[in-house]
Amino acid sequence: MPDDVLARRNVSRVVVGFAIIAAGILFTLDNLRIVEAETYLSYWPLAVVAIGLAHIVQGRTWGGYLWGLLLVIGGLWLLGENLGVLSVSIWTLSPLLLVLLGASIIWRGCCPPVLARGSATDGIGFIRGTAVMGGFDRTSDASDFRGGDVVVVMGGCKLDLRHAAITANEAVIDVLAIMGGVEIRIPENWTVDAKVLPLMGGVTNQTRVAASSPAQRLVVRGTVFMGGVEIKN
């Protein structure tokens, strides 16, 4: 996996690790009657702000910057609530998630992925699929796989790319899953850069990279709302 990808992931992990350590020390001091933990617990949203700043500083795409900015704003808003500076709960703005989701769908419809010159667009070198209250399976054995664009609404899809190969610098799969799931299976000589924004959802990367073969890079990006994306070999 590229060093810059590892760096971006490690920063978030370091922040979360320090936050857990700080919480452990705080509760220990509280048990020893040295400090009152309740006095400092109001500042926990600062960890969310720190993670957001890390995404902004090390972001490489607009999606990364936007996700970082949302984390910073959300963390500061929660901090303001805890300190009594703001009287409006951030959860009253939760319907805005639907606005962001709708904007993402419109953007994907108006600005489809740009394919490299000479790439395949026959559903093998570039996979497209939409599932609404249903599902579909796609398999590619293309020697010049370029990526894909899948939309799942209250359904699921499976992409089997274990016999495909990437000859360009990278291949990109755009994913939009709303109350649905996407499963992507890739060869062991591929590395994955997951840039999916989960909104009440999750992204799981269970892949392993064979040390004896040169890595080919797959970028998975998009949005997941009350759903999930699973990437494995």
C-alpha atoms as a PDB file:
ATOM      1  CA  MET A   1       0.000   0.000   0.000  1.00  0.00           C
ATOM      2  CA  PRO A   2       1.368   3.469  -0.894  1.00  0.00           C
ATOM      3  CA  ASP A   3       3.072   5.380   1.905  1.00  0.00           C
ATOM      4  CA  ASP A   4       0.766   8.405   1.586  1.00  0.00           C
ATOM      5  CA  VAL A   5      -2.302   6.208   2.089  1.00  0.00           C
ATOM      6  CA  LEU A   6      -0.769   4.649   5.180  1.00  0.00           C
ATOM      7  CA  ALA A   7       0.116   8.089   6.505  1.00  0.00           C
ATOM      8  CA  ARG A   8      -3.449   9.351   6.145  1.00  0.00           C
ATOM      9  CA  ARG A   9      -4.846   6.312   7.904  1.00  0.00           C
ATOM     10  CA  ASN A  10      -2.237   6.349  10.662  1.00  0.00           C
ATOM     11  CA  VAL A  11      -2.896   9.985  11.609  1.00  0.00           C
ATOM     12  CA  SER A  12      -6.545   9.218  12.351  1.00  0.00           C
ATOM     13  CA  ARG A  13      -5.547   6.139  14.321  1.00  0.00           C
ATOM     14  CA  VAL A  14      -2.985   8.107  16.331  1.00  0.00           C
ATOM     15  CA  VAL A  15      -5.593  10.736  17.220  1.00  0.00           C
ATOM     16  CA  VAL A  16      -8.097   8.078  18.297  1.00  0.00           C
ATOM     17  CA  GLY A  17      -5.375   6.263  20.259  1.00  0.00           C
ATOM     18  CA  PHE A  18      -4.372   9.416  22.145  1.00  0.00           C
ATOM     19  CA  ALA A  19      -8.042  10.174  22.857  1.00  0.00           C
ATOM     20  CA  ILE A  20      -8.513   6.706  24.381  1.00  0.00           C
ATOM     21  CA  ILE A  21      -5.326   7.081  26.442  1.00  0.00           C
ATOM     22  CA  ALA A  22      -6.453  10.499  27.689  1.00  0.00           C
ATOM     23  CA  ALA A  23      -9.852   9.071  28.655  1.00  0.00           C
ATOM     24  CA  GLY A  24      -8.172   6.219  30.540  1.00  0.00           C
ATOM     25  CA  ILE A  25      -5.910   8.608  32.461  1.00  0.00           C
ATOM     26  CA  LEU A  26      -8.839  10.910  33.220  1.00  0.00           C
ATOM     27  CA  PHE A  27     -11.012   8.118  34.625  1.00  0.00           C
ATOM     28  CA  THR A  28      -8.083   6.786  36.653  1.00  0.00           C
ATOM     29  CA  LEU A  29      -7.491  10.199  38.222  1.00  0.00           C
ATOM     30  CA  ASP A  30     -11.217  10.427  38.881  1.00  0.00           C
ATOM     31  CA  ASN A  31     -11.169   7.081  40.708  1.00  0.00           C
ATOM     32  CA  LEU A  32      -8.232   8.323  42.778  1.00  0.00           C
ATOM     33  CA  ARG A  33     -10.228  11.460  43.697  1.00  0.00           C
ATOM     34  CA  ILE A  34      -7.539  13.682  42.172  1.00  0.00           C
ATOM     35  CA  VAL A  35      -9.741  15.327  39.524  1.00  0.00           C
ATOM     36  CA  GLU A  36     -13.408  15.198  38.553  1.00  0.00           C
ATOM     37  CA  ALA A  37     -13.723  13.547  35.162  1.00  0.00           C
ATOM     38  CA  GLU A  38     -17.087  15.180  34.514  1.00  0.00           C
ATOM     39  CA  THR A  39     -15.392  18.583  34.367  1.00  0.00           C
ATOM     40  CA  TYR A  40     -13.268  17.562  31.372  1.00  0.00           C
ATOM     41  CA  LEU A  41     -15.597  15.200  29.516  1.00  0.00           C
ATOM     42  CA  SER A  42     -17.269  18.165  27.840  1.00  0.00           C
ATOM     43  CA  TYR A  43     -14.141  18.595  25.700  1.00  0.00           C
ATOM     44  CA  TRP A  44     -14.317  15.175  24.027  1.00  0.00           C
ATOM     45  CA  PRO A  45     -15.453  16.686  20.653  1.00  0.00           C
ATOM     46  CA  LEU A  46     -11.910  18.088  20.288  1.00  0.00           C
ATOM     47  CA  ALA A  47     -10.880  14.572  19.209  1.00  0.00           C
ATOM     48  CA  VAL A  48     -13.387  14.788  16.337  1.00  0.00           C
ATOM     49  CA  VAL A  49     -11.987  18.204  15.389  1.00  0.00           C
ATOM     50  CA  ALA A  50      -8.437  16.806  15.400  1.00  0.00           C
ATOM     51  CA  ILE A  51      -9.412  13.934  13.089  1.00  0.00           C
ATOM     52  CA  GLY A  52     -11.136  16.387  10.751  1.00  0.00           C
ATOM     53  CA  LEU A  53      -8.063  18.624  10.613  1.00  0.00           C
ATOM     54  CA  ALA A  54      -5.916  15.594   9.797  1.00  0.00           C
ATOM     55  CA  HIS A  55      -8.206  14.764   6.855  1.00  0.00           C
ATOM     56  CA  ILE A  56      -8.023  18.349   5.592  1.00  0.00           C
ATOM     57  CA  VAL A  57      -4.234  18.663   5.900  1.00  0.00           C
ATOM     58  CA  GLN A  58      -3.507  15.303   4.277  1.00  0.00           C
ATOM     59  CA  GLY A  59      -6.487  15.173   1.928  1.00  0.00           C
ATOM     60  CA  ARG A  60      -5.827  14.450  -1.750  1.00  0.00           C
ATOM     61  CA  THR A  61      -9.390  14.767  -3.095  1.00  0.00           C
ATOM     62  CA  TRP A  62     -12.354  17.105  -2.690  1.00  0.00           C
ATOM     63  CA  GLY A  63     -14.184  14.284  -0.957  1.00  0.00           C
ATOM     64  CA  GLY A  64     -11.422  14.049   1.641  1.00  0.00           C
ATOM     65  CA  TYR A  65     -11.462  17.816   2.220  1.00  0.00           C
ATOM     66  CA  LEU A  66     -15.254  17.846   2.536  1.00  0.00           C
ATOM     67  CA  TRP A  67     -15.282  14.927   4.968  1.00  0.00           C
ATOM     68  CA  GLY A  68     -12.600  16.640   7.078  1.00  0.00           C
ATOM     69  CA  LEU A  69     -14.476  19.935   7.036  1.00  0.00           C
ATOM     70  CA  LEU A  70     -17.703  18.229   8.147  1.00  0.00           C
ATOM     71  CA  LEU A  71     -15.856  16.574  11.034  1.00  0.00           C
ATOM     72  CA  VAL A  72     -14.348  19.902  12.135  1.00  0.00           C
ATOM     73  CA  ILE A  73     -17.694  21.708  11.987  1.00  0.00           C
ATOM     74  CA  GLY A  74     -19.489  18.863  13.743  1.00  0.00           C
ATOM     75  CA  GLY A  75     -16.842  18.638  16.471  1.00  0.00           C
ATOM     76  CA  LEU A  76     -16.874  22.380  17.115  1.00  0.00           C
ATOM     77  CA  TRP A  77     -20.672  22.394  17.174  1.00  0.00           C
ATOM     78  CA  LEU A  78     -20.760  19.563  19.738  1.00  0.00           C
ATOM     79  CA  LEU A  79     -18.129  21.366  21.807  1.00  0.00           C
ATOM     80  CA  GLY A  80     -20.215  24.530  21.719  1.00  0.00           C
ATOM     81  CA  GLU A  81     -23.242  22.567  22.907  1.00  0.00           C
ATOM     82  CA  ASN A  82     -21.310  20.985  25.775  1.00  0.00           C
ATOM     83  CA  LEU A  83     -19.930  24.345  26.912  1.00  0.00           C
ATOM     84  CA  GLY A  84     -23.304  26.061  26.651  1.00  0.00           C
ATOM     85  CA  VAL A  85     -22.237  28.391  23.854  1.00  0.00           C
ATOM     86  CA  LEU A  86     -24.761  26.959  21.369  1.00  0.00           C
ATOM     87  CA  SER A  87     -28.345  26.204  22.254  1.00  0.00           C
ATOM     88  CA  VAL A  88     -29.315  24.479  18.998  1.00  0.00           C
ATOM     89  CA  SER A  89     -28.538  20.762  18.900  1.00  0.00           C
ATOM     90  CA  ILE A  90     -26.527  19.529  15.941  1.00  0.00           C
ATOM     91  CA  TRP A  91     -28.992  16.669  15.566  1.00  0.00           C
ATOM     92  CA  THR A  92     -31.673  19.146  14.456  1.00  0.00           C
ATOM     93  CA  LEU A  93     -29.592  19.528  11.296  1.00  0.00           C
ATOM     94  CA  SER A  94     -29.429  15.778  10.604  1.00  0.00           C
ATOM     95  CA  PRO A  95     -31.895  16.055   7.652  1.00  0.00           C
ATOM     96  CA  LEU A  96     -29.107  17.931   5.858  1.00  0.00           C
ATOM     97  CA  LEU A  97     -27.523  14.507   5.376  1.00  0.00           C
ATOM     98  CA  LEU A  98     -30.334  13.833   2.912  1.00  0.00           C
ATOM     99  CA  VAL A  99     -29.459  17.077   1.118  1.00  0.00           C
ATOM    100  CA  LEU A 100     -25.815  15.992   0.827  1.00  0.00           C
ATOM    101  CA  LEU A 101     -26.904  12.571  -0.353  1.00  0.00           C
ATOM    102  CA  GLY A 102     -29.177  14.064  -3.019  1.00  0.00           C
ATOM    103  CA  ALA A 103     -26.414  16.413  -4.156  1.00  0.00           C
ATOM    104  CA  SER A 104     -24.076  13.440  -4.473  1.00  0.00           C
ATOM    105  CA  ILE A 105     -26.591  11.596  -6.655  1.00  0.00           C
ATOM    106  CA  ILE A 106     -27.084  14.665  -8.880  1.00  0.00           C
ATOM    107  CA  TRP A 107     -23.313  15.158  -9.195  1.00  0.00           C
ATOM    108  CA  ARG A 108     -22.816  11.544 -10.223  1.00  0.00           C
ATOM    109  CA  GLY A 109     -25.583  11.870 -12.815  1.00  0.00           C
ATOM    110  CA  CYS A 110     -24.306  15.128 -14.322  1.00  0.00           C
ATOM    111  CA  CYS A 111     -20.583  14.334 -14.107  1.00  0.00           C
ATOM    112  CA  PRO A 112     -19.982  10.675 -14.996  1.00  0.00           C
ATOM    113  CA  PRO A 113     -16.491   9.223 -14.533  1.00  0.00           C
ATOM    114  CA  VAL A 114     -13.961  10.247 -17.163  1.00  0.00           C
ATOM    115  CA  LEU A 115     -12.282   7.308 -18.824  1.00  0.00           C
ATOM    116  CA  ALA A 116      -8.738   7.338 -20.030  1.00  0.00           C
ATOM    117  CA  ARG A 117      -8.317   7.477 -23.800  1.00  0.00           C
ATOM    118  CA  GLY A 118      -8.485   4.062 -25.352  1.00  0.00           C
ATOM    119  CA  SER A 119     -10.017   2.371 -22.308  1.00  0.00           C
ATOM    120  CA  ALA A 120     -12.677  -0.255 -22.607  1.00  0.00           C
ATOM    121  CA  THR A 121     -16.297   0.731 -21.958  1.00  0.00           C
ATOM    122  CA  ASP A 122     -18.086  -2.501 -22.768  1.00  0.00           C
ATOM    123  CA  GLY A 123     -18.927  -3.499 -19.184  1.00  0.00           C
ATOM    124  CA  ILE A 124     -15.745  -5.570 -18.815  1.00  0.00           C
ATOM    125  CA  GLY A 125     -12.956  -3.002 -18.728  1.00  0.00           C
ATOM    126  CA  PHE A 126     -15.384  -0.573 -17.094  1.00  0.00           C
ATOM    127  CA  ILE A 127     -18.256  -1.933 -15.005  1.00  0.00           C
ATOM    128  CA  ARG A 128     -21.582  -0.150 -14.642  1.00  0.00           C
ATOM    129  CA  GLY A 129     -24.603  -1.313 -12.707  1.00  0.00           C
ATOM    130  CA  THR A 130     -27.668  -0.093 -10.816  1.00  0.00           C
ATOM    131  CA  ALA A 131     -29.778  -2.055  -8.359  1.00  0.00           C
ATOM    132  CA  VAL A 132     -33.000  -0.716  -6.816  1.00  0.00           C
ATOM    133  CA  MET A 133     -34.633  -3.154  -4.375  1.00  0.00           C
ATOM    134  CA  GLY A 134     -32.708  -5.917  -6.064  1.00  0.00           C
ATOM    135  CA  GLY A 135     -29.184  -7.007  -6.883  1.00  0.00           C
ATOM    136  CA  PHE A 136     -26.681  -7.822  -9.594  1.00  0.00           C
ATOM    137  CA  ASP A 137     -23.335  -9.563 -10.053  1.00  0.00           C
ATOM    138  CA  ARG A 138     -20.566  -8.393 -12.359  1.00  0.00           C
ATOM    139  CA  THR A 139     -17.387 -10.238 -13.300  1.00  0.00           C
ATOM    140  CA  SER A 140     -14.412  -8.844 -15.189  1.00  0.00           C
ATOM    141  CA  ASP A 141     -11.336 -10.602 -16.563  1.00  0.00           C
ATOM    142  CA  ALA A 142     -10.161  -7.547 -18.524  1.00  0.00           C
ATOM    143  CA  SER A 143      -6.426  -7.192 -19.015  1.00  0.00           C
ATOM    144  CA  ASP A 144      -6.864  -3.397 -18.881  1.00  0.00           C
ATOM    145  CA  PHE A 145      -9.411  -2.837 -16.139  1.00  0.00           C
ATOM    146  CA  ARG A 146     -10.226   0.873 -15.672  1.00  0.00           C
ATOM    147  CA  GLY A 147     -12.876   0.944 -12.941  1.00  0.00           C
ATOM    148  CA  GLY A 148     -16.604   1.079 -12.495  1.00  0.00           C
ATOM    149  CA  ASP A 149     -19.682   2.987 -11.404  1.00  0.00           C
ATOM    150  CA  VAL A 150     -22.288   1.205  -9.265  1.00  0.00           C
ATOM    151  CA  VAL A 151     -25.456   2.451  -7.582  1.00  0.00           C
ATOM    152  CA  VAL A 152     -27.324   0.349  -5.042  1.00  0.00           C
ATOM    153  CA  VAL A 153     -30.594   1.415  -3.389  1.00  0.00           C
ATOM    154  CA  MET A 154     -32.126  -1.047  -0.915  1.00  0.00           C
ATOM    155  CA  GLY A 155     -30.308  -3.879  -2.616  1.00  0.00           C
ATOM    156  CA  GLY A 156     -26.865  -5.311  -3.187  1.00  0.00           C
ATOM    157  CA  CYS A 157     -24.209  -6.058  -5.760  1.00  0.00           C
ATOM    158  CA  LYS A 158     -21.092  -8.183  -6.097  1.00  0.00           C
ATOM    159  CA  LEU A 159     -18.097  -7.306  -8.264  1.00  0.00           C
ATOM    160  CA  ASP A 160     -15.645 -10.129  -8.959  1.00  0.00           C
ATOM    161  CA  LEU A 161     -12.379  -8.700 -10.278  1.00  0.00           C
ATOM    162  CA  ARG A 162     -10.071 -11.523  -9.196  1.00  0.00           C
ATOM    163  CA  HIS A 163      -9.114 -12.340 -12.787  1.00  0.00           C
ATOM    164  CA  ALA A 164      -8.710  -8.746 -14.004  1.00  0.00           C
ATOM    165  CA  ALA A 165      -5.526  -6.673 -14.295  1.00  0.00           C
ATOM    166  CA  ILE A 166      -4.741  -2.966 -14.069  1.00  0.00           C
ATOM    167  CA  THR A 167      -2.263  -1.576 -16.590  1.00  0.00           C
ATOM    168  CA  ALA A 168      -2.771   2.153 -15.895  1.00  0.00           C
ATOM    169  CA  ASN A 169      -1.578   3.931 -12.760  1.00  0.00           C
ATOM    170  CA  GLU A 170      -4.830   3.049 -11.012  1.00  0.00           C
ATOM    171  CA  ALA A 171      -8.432   1.997 -11.542  1.00  0.00           C
ATOM    172  CA  VAL A 172     -11.322   3.844  -9.876  1.00  0.00           C
ATOM    173  CA  ILE A 173     -14.680   2.448  -8.793  1.00  0.00           C
ATOM    174  CA  ASP A 174     -17.381   4.951  -7.818  1.00  0.00           C
ATOM    175  CA  VAL A 175     -19.908   3.611  -5.329  1.00  0.00           C
ATOM    176  CA  LEU A 176     -23.249   4.940  -4.102  1.00  0.00           C
ATOM    177  CA  ALA A 177     -25.042   2.647  -1.658  1.00  0.00           C
ATOM    178  CA  ILE A 178     -28.278   3.671   0.069  1.00  0.00           C
ATOM    179  CA  MET A 179     -29.534   1.090   2.546  1.00  0.00           C
ATOM    180  CA  GLY A 180     -27.656  -1.514   0.557  1.00  0.00           C
ATOM    181  CA  GLY A 181     -24.358  -3.321   0.279  1.00  0.00           C
ATOM    182  CA  VAL A 182     -21.513  -3.637  -2.202  1.00  0.00           C
ATOM    183  CA  GLU A 183     -19.033  -6.516  -2.189  1.00  0.00           C
ATOM    184  CA  ILE A 184     -15.830  -6.176  -4.229  1.00  0.00           C
ATOM    185  CA  ARG A 185     -13.401  -9.072  -4.680  1.00  0.00           C
ATOM    186  CA  ILE A 186      -9.939  -8.309  -6.024  1.00  0.00           C
ATOM    187  CA  PRO A 187      -6.674 -10.163  -6.762  1.00  0.00           C
ATOM    188  CA  GLU A 188      -3.991 -10.395  -4.093  1.00  0.00           C
ATOM    189  CA  ASN A 189      -1.598  -8.252  -6.140  1.00  0.00           C
ATOM    190  CA  TRP A 190      -3.915  -5.230  -5.887  1.00  0.00           C
ATOM    191  CA  THR A 191      -3.764  -2.584  -3.183  1.00  0.00           C
ATOM    192  CA  VAL A 192      -6.870  -0.659  -2.157  1.00  0.00           C
ATOM    193  CA  ASP A 193      -7.312   3.023  -1.379  1.00  0.00           C
ATOM    194  CA  ALA A 194     -10.791   3.317   0.169  1.00  0.00           C
ATOM    195  CA  LYS A 195     -12.155   6.868  -0.038  1.00  0.00           C
ATOM    196  CA  VAL A 196     -15.788   6.081   0.690  1.00  0.00           C
ATOM    197  CA  LEU A 197     -17.743   8.480   2.919  1.00  0.00           C
ATOM    198  CA  PRO A 198     -19.871   6.421   5.343  1.00  0.00           C
ATOM    199  CA  LEU A 199     -23.019   8.096   6.689  1.00  0.00           C
ATOM    200  CA  MET A 200     -24.480   5.727   9.278  1.00  0.00           C
ATOM    201  CA  GLY A 201     -22.737   2.987   7.332  1.00  0.00           C
ATOM    202  CA  GLY A 202     -19.374   1.282   7.119  1.00  0.00           C
ATOM    203  CA  VAL A 203     -16.474   0.300   4.893  1.00  0.00           C
ATOM    204  CA  THR A 204     -14.507  -2.916   5.460  1.00  0.00           C
ATOM    205  CA  ASN A 205     -11.184  -3.701   3.785  1.00  0.00           C
ATOM    206  CA  GLN A 206     -10.201  -7.332   4.352  1.00  0.00           C
ATOM    207  CA  THR A 207      -7.698  -7.602   1.519  1.00  0.00           C
ATOM    208  CA  ARG A 208      -4.169  -8.914   1.707  1.00  0.00           C
ATOM    209  CA  VAL A 209      -1.341  -8.125  -0.700  1.00  0.00           C
ATOM    210  CA  ALA A 210       1.023 -10.806  -1.975  1.00  0.00           C
ATOM    211  CA  ALA A 211       4.560  -9.712  -1.145  1.00  0.00           C
ATOM    212  CA  SER A 212       6.050 -11.508  -4.152  1.00  0.00           C
ATOM    213  CA  SER A 213       4.151  -9.557  -6.821  1.00  0.00           C
ATOM    214  CA  PRO A 214       4.041  -5.876  -7.825  1.00  0.00           C
ATOM    215  CA  ALA A 215       0.946  -4.112  -6.531  1.00  0.00           C
ATOM    216  CA  GLN A 216      -1.751  -2.678  -8.782  1.00  0.00           C
ATOM    217  CA  ARG A 217      -3.837   0.131  -7.252  1.00  0.00           C
ATOM    218  CA  LEU A 218      -7.615   0.234  -6.989  1.00  0.00           C
ATOM    219  CA  VAL A 219      -9.358   3.351  -5.654  1.00  0.00           C
ATOM    220  CA  VAL A 220     -12.857   2.865  -4.240  1.00  0.00           C
ATOM    221  CA  ARG A 221     -14.671   6.143  -3.636  1.00  0.00           C
ATOM    222  CA  GLY A 222     -18.207   7.368  -3.128  1.00  0.00           C
ATOM    223  CA  THR A 223     -20.872   7.524  -0.434  1.00  0.00           C
ATOM    224  CA  VAL A 224     -22.578   4.934   1.738  1.00  0.00           C
ATOM    225  CA  PHE A 225     -25.801   5.828   3.581  1.00  0.00           C
ATOM    226  CA  MET A 226     -27.099   3.211   6.030  1.00  0.00           C
ATOM    227  CA  GLY A 227     -25.257   0.538   4.105  1.00  0.00           C
ATOM    228  CA  GLY A 228     -21.833  -0.975   3.664  1.00  0.00           C
ATOM    229  CA  VAL A 229     -18.953  -1.683   1.320  1.00  0.00           C
ATOM    230  CA  GLU A 230     -16.842  -4.813   1.765  1.00  0.00           C
ATOM    231  CA  ILE A 231     -13.563  -5.302  -0.104  1.00  0.00           C
ATOM    232  CA  LYS A 232     -11.813  -8.661   0.026  1.00  0.00           C
ATOM    233  CA  ASN A 233      -9.764 -11.169  -1.969  1.00  0.00           C
END
